[in-house]
PDB file of N, CA and C in Angstrom:
ATOM      1  N   MET A   1      -0.121   9.083  14.591  1.00  0.00           N
ATOM      2  CA  MET A   1       0.024   8.133  13.523  1.00  0.00           C
ATOM      3  C   MET A   1      -1.380   8.048  12.631  1.00  0.00           C
ATOM      4  N   ARG A   2      -1.287   8.129  11.585  1.00  0.00           N
ATOM      5  CA  ARG A   2      -2.617   8.014  10.799  1.00  0.00           C
ATOM      6  C   ARG A   2      -2.492   6.437  10.099  1.00  0.00           C
ATOM      7  N   SER A   3      -3.850   6.105   9.575  1.00  0.00           N
ATOM      8  CA  SER A   3      -3.611   5.118   8.790  1.00  0.00           C
ATOM      9  C   SER A   3      -4.390   5.365   7.462  1.00  0.00           C
ATOM     10  N   VAL A   4      -3.835   4.882   6.334  1.00  0.00           N
ATOM     11  CA  VAL A   4      -4.321   5.457   5.159  1.00  0.00           C
ATOM     12  C   VAL A   4      -4.224   4.242   4.062  1.00  0.00           C
ATOM     13  N   LEU A   5      -5.348   4.594   3.211  1.00  0.00           N
ATOM     14  CA  LEU A   5      -5.449   3.527   2.029  1.00  0.00           C
ATOM     15  C   LEU A   5      -5.143   4.038   0.938  1.00  0.00           C
ATOM     16  N   VAL A   6      -4.061   3.648   0.221  1.00  0.00           N
ATOM     17  CA  VAL A   6      -3.563   4.148  -1.053  1.00  0.00           C
ATOM     18  C   VAL A   6      -4.129   3.074  -2.197  1.00  0.00           C
ATOM     19  N   THR A   7      -5.003   3.753  -3.292  1.00  0.00           N
ATOM     20  CA  THR A   7      -5.415   2.668  -4.302  1.00  0.00           C
ATOM     21  C   THR A   7      -4.492   2.834  -5.401  1.00  0.00           C
ATOM     22  N   GLY A   8      -4.339   1.830  -6.170  1.00  0.00           N
ATOM     23  CA  GLY A   8      -3.306   1.760  -7.276  1.00  0.00           C
ATOM     24  C   GLY A   8      -2.055   1.954  -6.629  1.00  0.00           C
ATOM     25  N   ALA A   9      -1.410   1.424  -5.541  1.00  0.00           N
ATOM     26  CA  ALA A   9      -0.507   1.433  -4.991  1.00  0.00           C
ATOM     27  C   ALA A   9       0.811   0.958  -5.589  1.00  0.00           C
ATOM     28  N   THR A  10       0.526   0.084  -6.559  1.00  0.00           N
ATOM     29  CA  THR A  10       1.702  -0.724  -7.133  1.00  0.00           C
ATOM     30  C   THR A  10       2.206   0.318  -8.419  1.00  0.00           C
ATOM     31  N   GLY A  11       1.551   1.111  -8.829  1.00  0.00           N
ATOM     32  CA  GLY A  11       1.680   1.908 -10.023  1.00  0.00           C
ATOM     33  C   GLY A  11       2.788   2.986  -9.493  1.00  0.00           C
ATOM     34  N   GLY A  12       2.981   3.959 -10.545  1.00  0.00           N
ATOM     35  CA  GLY A  12       3.963   5.119 -10.334  1.00  0.00           C
ATOM     36  C   GLY A  12       3.625   6.029  -9.082  1.00  0.00           C
ATOM     37  N   ILE A  13       2.410   6.754  -9.518  1.00  0.00           N
ATOM     38  CA  ILE A  13       1.972   7.763  -8.325  1.00  0.00           C
ATOM     39  C   ILE A  13       1.685   7.093  -7.083  1.00  0.00           C
ATOM     40  N   GLY A  14       0.916   5.812  -7.310  1.00  0.00           N
ATOM     41  CA  GLY A  14       0.323   5.342  -6.071  1.00  0.00           C
ATOM     42  C   GLY A  14       1.513   4.935  -5.240  1.00  0.00           C
ATOM     43  N   ARG A  15       2.744   4.203  -5.745  1.00  0.00           N
ATOM     44  CA  ARG A  15       3.821   3.818  -5.136  1.00  0.00           C
ATOM     45  C   ARG A  15       4.765   5.024  -4.394  1.00  0.00           C
ATOM     46  N   SER A  16       4.630   6.316  -5.165  1.00  0.00           N
ATOM     47  CA  SER A  16       5.410   7.367  -4.330  1.00  0.00           C
ATOM     48  C   SER A  16       4.567   7.777  -3.355  1.00  0.00           C
ATOM     49  N   LEU A  17       3.084   7.832  -3.399  1.00  0.00           N
ATOM     50  CA  LEU A  17       2.457   8.033  -2.156  1.00  0.00           C
ATOM     51  C   LEU A  17       2.599   7.057  -1.246  1.00  0.00           C
ATOM     52  N   VAL A  18       2.677   5.814  -1.319  1.00  0.00           N
ATOM     53  CA  VAL A  18       2.833   5.046  -0.284  1.00  0.00           C
ATOM     54  C   VAL A  18       4.051   5.311   0.206  1.00  0.00           C
ATOM     55  N   GLU A  19       5.227   5.336  -0.311  1.00  0.00           N
ATOM     56  CA  GLU A  19       6.422   5.768   0.315  1.00  0.00           C
ATOM     57  C   GLU A  19       6.631   7.115   0.975  1.00  0.00           C
ATOM     58  N   ALA A  20       5.855   8.077   0.559  1.00  0.00           N
ATOM     59  CA  ALA A  20       5.695   9.315   1.082  1.00  0.00           C
ATOM     60  C   ALA A  20       5.006   9.184   2.772  1.00  0.00           C
ATOM     61  N   PHE A  21       3.827   8.514   2.456  1.00  0.00           N
ATOM     62  CA  PHE A  21       3.071   8.170   3.931  1.00  0.00           C
ATOM     63  C   PHE A  21       4.078   7.506   4.798  1.00  0.00           C
ATOM     64  N   ALA A  22       4.714   6.403   4.335  1.00  0.00           N
ATOM     65  CA  ALA A  22       5.359   5.634   5.122  1.00  0.00           C
ATOM     66  C   ALA A  22       6.746   6.333   5.610  1.00  0.00           C
ATOM     67  N   ARG A  23       7.323   7.408   5.014  1.00  0.00           N
ATOM     68  CA  ARG A  23       8.311   8.365   5.665  1.00  0.00           C
ATOM     69  C   ARG A  23       7.615   9.252   6.682  1.00  0.00           C
ATOM     70  N   GLU A  24       6.413   9.469   6.517  1.00  0.00           N
ATOM     71  CA  GLU A  24       5.690  10.228   7.577  1.00  0.00           C
ATOM     72  C   GLU A  24       5.576   9.616   8.830  1.00  0.00           C
ATOM     73  N   GLY A  25       5.666   8.341   8.692  1.00  0.00           N
ATOM     74  CA  GLY A  25       5.288   7.315   9.888  1.00  0.00           C
ATOM     75  C   GLY A  25       3.929   7.123  10.041  1.00  0.00           C
ATOM     76  N   ASP A  26       3.358   6.962   8.911  1.00  0.00           N
ATOM     77  CA  ASP A  26       1.763   6.422   8.794  1.00  0.00           C
ATOM     78  C   ASP A  26       1.711   4.895   8.626  1.00  0.00           C
ATOM     79  N   ASN A  27       0.534   4.413   9.208  1.00  0.00           N
ATOM     80  CA  ASN A  27       0.329   2.733   8.468  1.00  0.00           C
ATOM     81  C   ASN A  27      -0.440   3.059   7.257  1.00  0.00           C
ATOM     82  N   VAL A  28      -0.018   1.992   6.369  1.00  0.00           N
ATOM     83  CA  VAL A  28      -0.427   2.147   4.823  1.00  0.00           C
ATOM     84  C   VAL A  28      -1.101   0.708   4.388  1.00  0.00           C
ATOM     85  N   ALA A  29      -2.184   0.774   3.979  1.00  0.00           N
ATOM     86  CA  ALA A  29      -2.820  -0.266   3.107  1.00  0.00           C
ATOM     87  C   ALA A  29      -2.622  -0.212   1.765  1.00  0.00           C
ATOM     88  N   VAL A  30      -1.912  -1.182   1.061  1.00  0.00           N
ATOM     89  CA  VAL A  30      -1.416  -0.892  -0.305  1.00  0.00           C
ATOM     90  C   VAL A  30      -2.435  -1.742  -1.087  1.00  0.00           C
ATOM     91  N   HIS A  31      -3.225  -0.822  -1.751  1.00  0.00           N
ATOM     92  CA  HIS A  31      -4.272  -1.547  -2.651  1.00  0.00           C
ATOM     93  C   HIS A  31      -3.565  -1.935  -4.137  1.00  0.00           C
ATOM     94  N   PHE A  32      -4.169  -3.048  -4.381  1.00  0.00           N
ATOM     95  CA  PHE A  32      -3.731  -3.786  -5.696  1.00  0.00           C
ATOM     96  C   PHE A  32      -4.908  -4.150  -6.195  1.00  0.00           C
ATOM     97  N   HIS A  33      -5.099  -4.371  -7.754  1.00  0.00           N
ATOM     98  CA  HIS A  33      -5.980  -4.962  -8.775  1.00  0.00           C
ATOM     99  C   HIS A  33      -5.643  -6.310  -9.040  1.00  0.00           C
ATOM    100  N   ASN A  34      -4.527  -6.023  -9.880  1.00  0.00           N
ATOM    101  CA  ASN A  34      -3.871  -7.207 -10.686  1.00  0.00           C
ATOM    102  C   ASN A  34      -2.638  -7.641 -10.136  1.00  0.00           C
ATOM    103  N   GLN A  35      -1.890  -6.786  -9.294  1.00  0.00           N
ATOM    104  CA  GLN A  35      -0.456  -7.025  -9.392  1.00  0.00           C
ATOM    105  C   GLN A  35      -0.275  -7.451  -7.678  1.00  0.00           C
ATOM    106  N   GLU A  36      -0.701  -8.518  -7.506  1.00  0.00           N
ATOM    107  CA  GLU A  36      -0.806  -9.010  -6.260  1.00  0.00           C
ATOM    108  C   GLU A  36       0.683  -9.232  -5.677  1.00  0.00           C
ATOM    109  N   ASP A  37       1.591  -9.641  -6.442  1.00  0.00           N
ATOM    110  CA  ASP A  37       3.036 -10.100  -6.012  1.00  0.00           C
ATOM    111  C   ASP A  37       3.684  -8.856  -5.701  1.00  0.00           C
ATOM    112  N   ALA A  38       3.614  -7.731  -6.640  1.00  0.00           N
ATOM    113  CA  ALA A  38       4.174  -6.342  -6.545  1.00  0.00           C
ATOM    114  C   ALA A  38       3.678  -5.762  -5.008  1.00  0.00           C
ATOM    115  N   ALA A  39       2.417  -6.052  -4.688  1.00  0.00           N
ATOM    116  CA  ALA A  39       1.909  -5.339  -3.581  1.00  0.00           C
ATOM    117  C   ALA A  39       2.715  -6.052  -2.389  1.00  0.00           C
ATOM    118  N   ASN A  40       2.678  -7.417  -2.484  1.00  0.00           N
ATOM    119  CA  ASN A  40       3.159  -8.076  -1.327  1.00  0.00           C
ATOM    120  C   ASN A  40       4.701  -7.910  -0.902  1.00  0.00           C
ATOM    121  N   GLU A  41       5.470  -7.586  -2.326  1.00  0.00           N
ATOM    122  CA  GLU A  41       6.925  -7.354  -1.997  1.00  0.00           C
ATOM    123  C   GLU A  41       6.855  -6.131  -1.328  1.00  0.00           C
ATOM    124  N   MET A  42       6.118  -4.916  -1.734  1.00  0.00           N
ATOM    125  CA  MET A  42       6.247  -3.804  -1.299  1.00  0.00           C
ATOM    126  C   MET A  42       5.740  -3.499   0.183  1.00  0.00           C
ATOM    127  N   VAL A  43       5.102  -4.215   0.709  1.00  0.00           N
ATOM    128  CA  VAL A  43       4.689  -4.427   2.140  1.00  0.00           C
ATOM    129  C   VAL A  43       5.760  -5.091   2.783  1.00  0.00           C
ATOM    130  N   GLN A  44       6.219  -6.084   2.197  1.00  0.00           N
ATOM    131  CA  GLN A  44       7.254  -6.731   3.097  1.00  0.00           C
ATOM    132  C   GLN A  44       8.622  -5.646   2.947  1.00  0.00           C
ATOM    133  N   SER A  45       8.830  -4.994   2.139  1.00  0.00           N
ATOM    134  CA  SER A  45       9.969  -4.115   2.142  1.00  0.00           C
ATOM    135  C   SER A  45       9.791  -3.047   2.840  1.00  0.00           C
ATOM    136  N   LEU A  46       8.542  -2.469   3.055  1.00  0.00           N
ATOM    137  CA  LEU A  46       8.356  -1.164   3.763  1.00  0.00           C
ATOM    138  C   LEU A  46       8.442  -1.672   5.138  1.00  0.00           C
ATOM    139  N   GLY A  47       7.769  -2.856   5.387  1.00  0.00           N
ATOM    140  CA  GLY A  47       7.990  -3.371   6.835  1.00  0.00           C
ATOM    141  C   GLY A  47       9.240  -3.638   7.403  1.00  0.00           C
ATOM    142  N   GLU A  48      10.327  -3.911   6.359  1.00  0.00           N
ATOM    143  CA  GLU A  48      11.673  -4.000   6.845  1.00  0.00           C
ATOM    144  C   GLU A  48      12.185  -2.639   7.041  1.00  0.00           C
ATOM    145  N   GLN A  49      12.021  -1.598   6.451  1.00  0.00           N
ATOM    146  CA  GLN A  49      12.438  -0.268   6.409  1.00  0.00           C
ATOM    147  C   GLN A  49      11.821   0.445   7.440  1.00  0.00           C
ATOM    148  N   TYR A  50      10.537   0.338   8.058  1.00  0.00           N
ATOM    149  CA  TYR A  50       9.820   0.739   8.781  1.00  0.00           C
ATOM    150  C   TYR A  50       9.060  -0.167   9.821  1.00  0.00           C
ATOM    151  N   PRO A  51      10.033  -0.833  10.701  1.00  0.00           N
ATOM    152  CA  PRO A  51       9.468  -1.613  11.756  1.00  0.00           C
ATOM    153  C   PRO A  51       8.399  -1.397  12.571  1.00  0.00           C
ATOM    154  N   GLY A  52       8.250  -0.165  12.739  1.00  0.00           N
ATOM    155  CA  GLY A  52       7.290   0.324  14.047  1.00  0.00           C
ATOM    156  C   GLY A  52       5.727   0.544  13.449  1.00  0.00           C
ATOM    157  N   GLN A  53       5.786   0.261  11.983  1.00  0.00           N
ATOM    158  CA  GLN A  53       4.488   0.696  11.346  1.00  0.00           C
ATOM    159  C   GLN A  53       3.971  -0.423  10.769  1.00  0.00           C
ATOM    160  N   ARG A  54       2.637  -0.357  10.507  1.00  0.00           N
ATOM    161  CA  ARG A  54       1.857  -1.467   9.831  1.00  0.00           C
ATOM    162  C   ARG A  54       1.666  -1.317   8.336  1.00  0.00           C
ATOM    163  N   PHE A  55       1.886  -2.334   7.521  1.00  0.00           N
ATOM    164  CA  PHE A  55       1.661  -2.152   6.119  1.00  0.00           C
ATOM    165  C   PHE A  55       0.654  -3.522   5.674  1.00  0.00           C
ATOM    166  N   VAL A  56      -0.187  -3.390   4.770  1.00  0.00           N
ATOM    167  CA  VAL A  56      -0.797  -4.500   4.461  1.00  0.00           C
ATOM    168  C   VAL A  56      -1.401  -4.417   2.944  1.00  0.00           C
ATOM    169  N   ALA A  57      -1.362  -5.354   2.297  1.00  0.00           N
ATOM    170  CA  ALA A  57      -1.460  -5.403   0.939  1.00  0.00           C
ATOM    171  C   ALA A  57      -3.177  -5.837   0.749  1.00  0.00           C
ATOM    172  N   VAL A  58      -4.037  -5.039  -0.123  1.00  0.00           N
ATOM    173  CA  VAL A  58      -5.462  -5.110  -0.100  1.00  0.00           C
ATOM    174  C   VAL A  58      -6.036  -5.408  -1.326  1.00  0.00           C
ATOM    175  N   GLY A  59      -6.452  -6.294  -1.853  1.00  0.00           N
ATOM    176  CA  GLY A  59      -6.712  -6.382  -3.398  1.00  0.00           C
ATOM    177  C   GLY A  59      -8.157  -6.153  -3.460  1.00  0.00           C
ATOM    178  N   GLY A  60      -8.644  -5.880  -4.723  1.00  0.00           N
ATOM    179  CA  GLY A  60      -9.931  -5.585  -5.393  1.00  0.00           C
ATOM    180  C   GLY A  60     -10.174  -4.464  -6.398  1.00  0.00           C
ATOM    181  N   ASP A  61     -11.358  -4.615  -6.990  1.00  0.00           N
ATOM    182  CA  ASP A  61     -11.447  -4.013  -7.680  1.00  0.00           C
ATOM    183  C   ASP A  61     -12.211  -2.501  -7.559  1.00  0.00           C
ATOM    184  N   VAL A  62     -11.904  -1.326  -7.411  1.00  0.00           N
ATOM    185  CA  VAL A  62     -12.629  -0.373  -6.775  1.00  0.00           C
ATOM    186  C   VAL A  62     -13.483   0.167  -7.721  1.00  0.00           C
ATOM    187  N   SER A  63     -13.515  -0.259  -9.140  1.00  0.00           N
ATOM    188  CA  SER A  63     -14.368   0.550  -9.917  1.00  0.00           C
ATOM    189  C   SER A  63     -15.635  -0.297 -10.185  1.00  0.00           C
ATOM    190  N   ASP A  64     -15.963  -1.553  -9.393  1.00  0.00           N
ATOM    191  CA  ASP A  64     -16.830  -2.555  -9.515  1.00  0.00           C
ATOM    192  C   ASP A  64     -17.691  -2.232  -8.150  1.00  0.00           C
ATOM    193  N   GLU A  65     -18.615  -1.739  -7.963  1.00  0.00           N
ATOM    194  CA  GLU A  65     -19.548  -1.589  -6.696  1.00  0.00           C
ATOM    195  C   GLU A  65     -19.936  -2.734  -6.249  1.00  0.00           C
ATOM    196  N   GLY A  66     -20.014  -3.938  -6.743  1.00  0.00           N
ATOM    197  CA  GLY A  66     -20.100  -5.154  -6.403  1.00  0.00           C
ATOM    198  C   GLY A  66     -19.266  -6.041  -5.945  1.00  0.00           C
ATOM    199  N   ALA A  67     -18.089  -5.622  -6.259  1.00  0.00           N
ATOM    200  CA  ALA A  67     -16.665  -6.654  -5.769  1.00  0.00           C
ATOM    201  C   ALA A  67     -16.520  -6.263  -4.473  1.00  0.00           C
TER     202      ALA A  67
END
């Protein structure tokens, strides 16, 4: 089982990647910049669908080196 971080996970491509990694059995860190509620909802939903895996929402601005 891998652990992966998907940046921009609340958007279209990012969300699709999160779902693909989850289907493969991976633990996923769901990154968000402004959409904390959407990320938390995704983490909760994935946790219910894949109870043996870990999902966590992680916020931050990855374009800002000082953040």
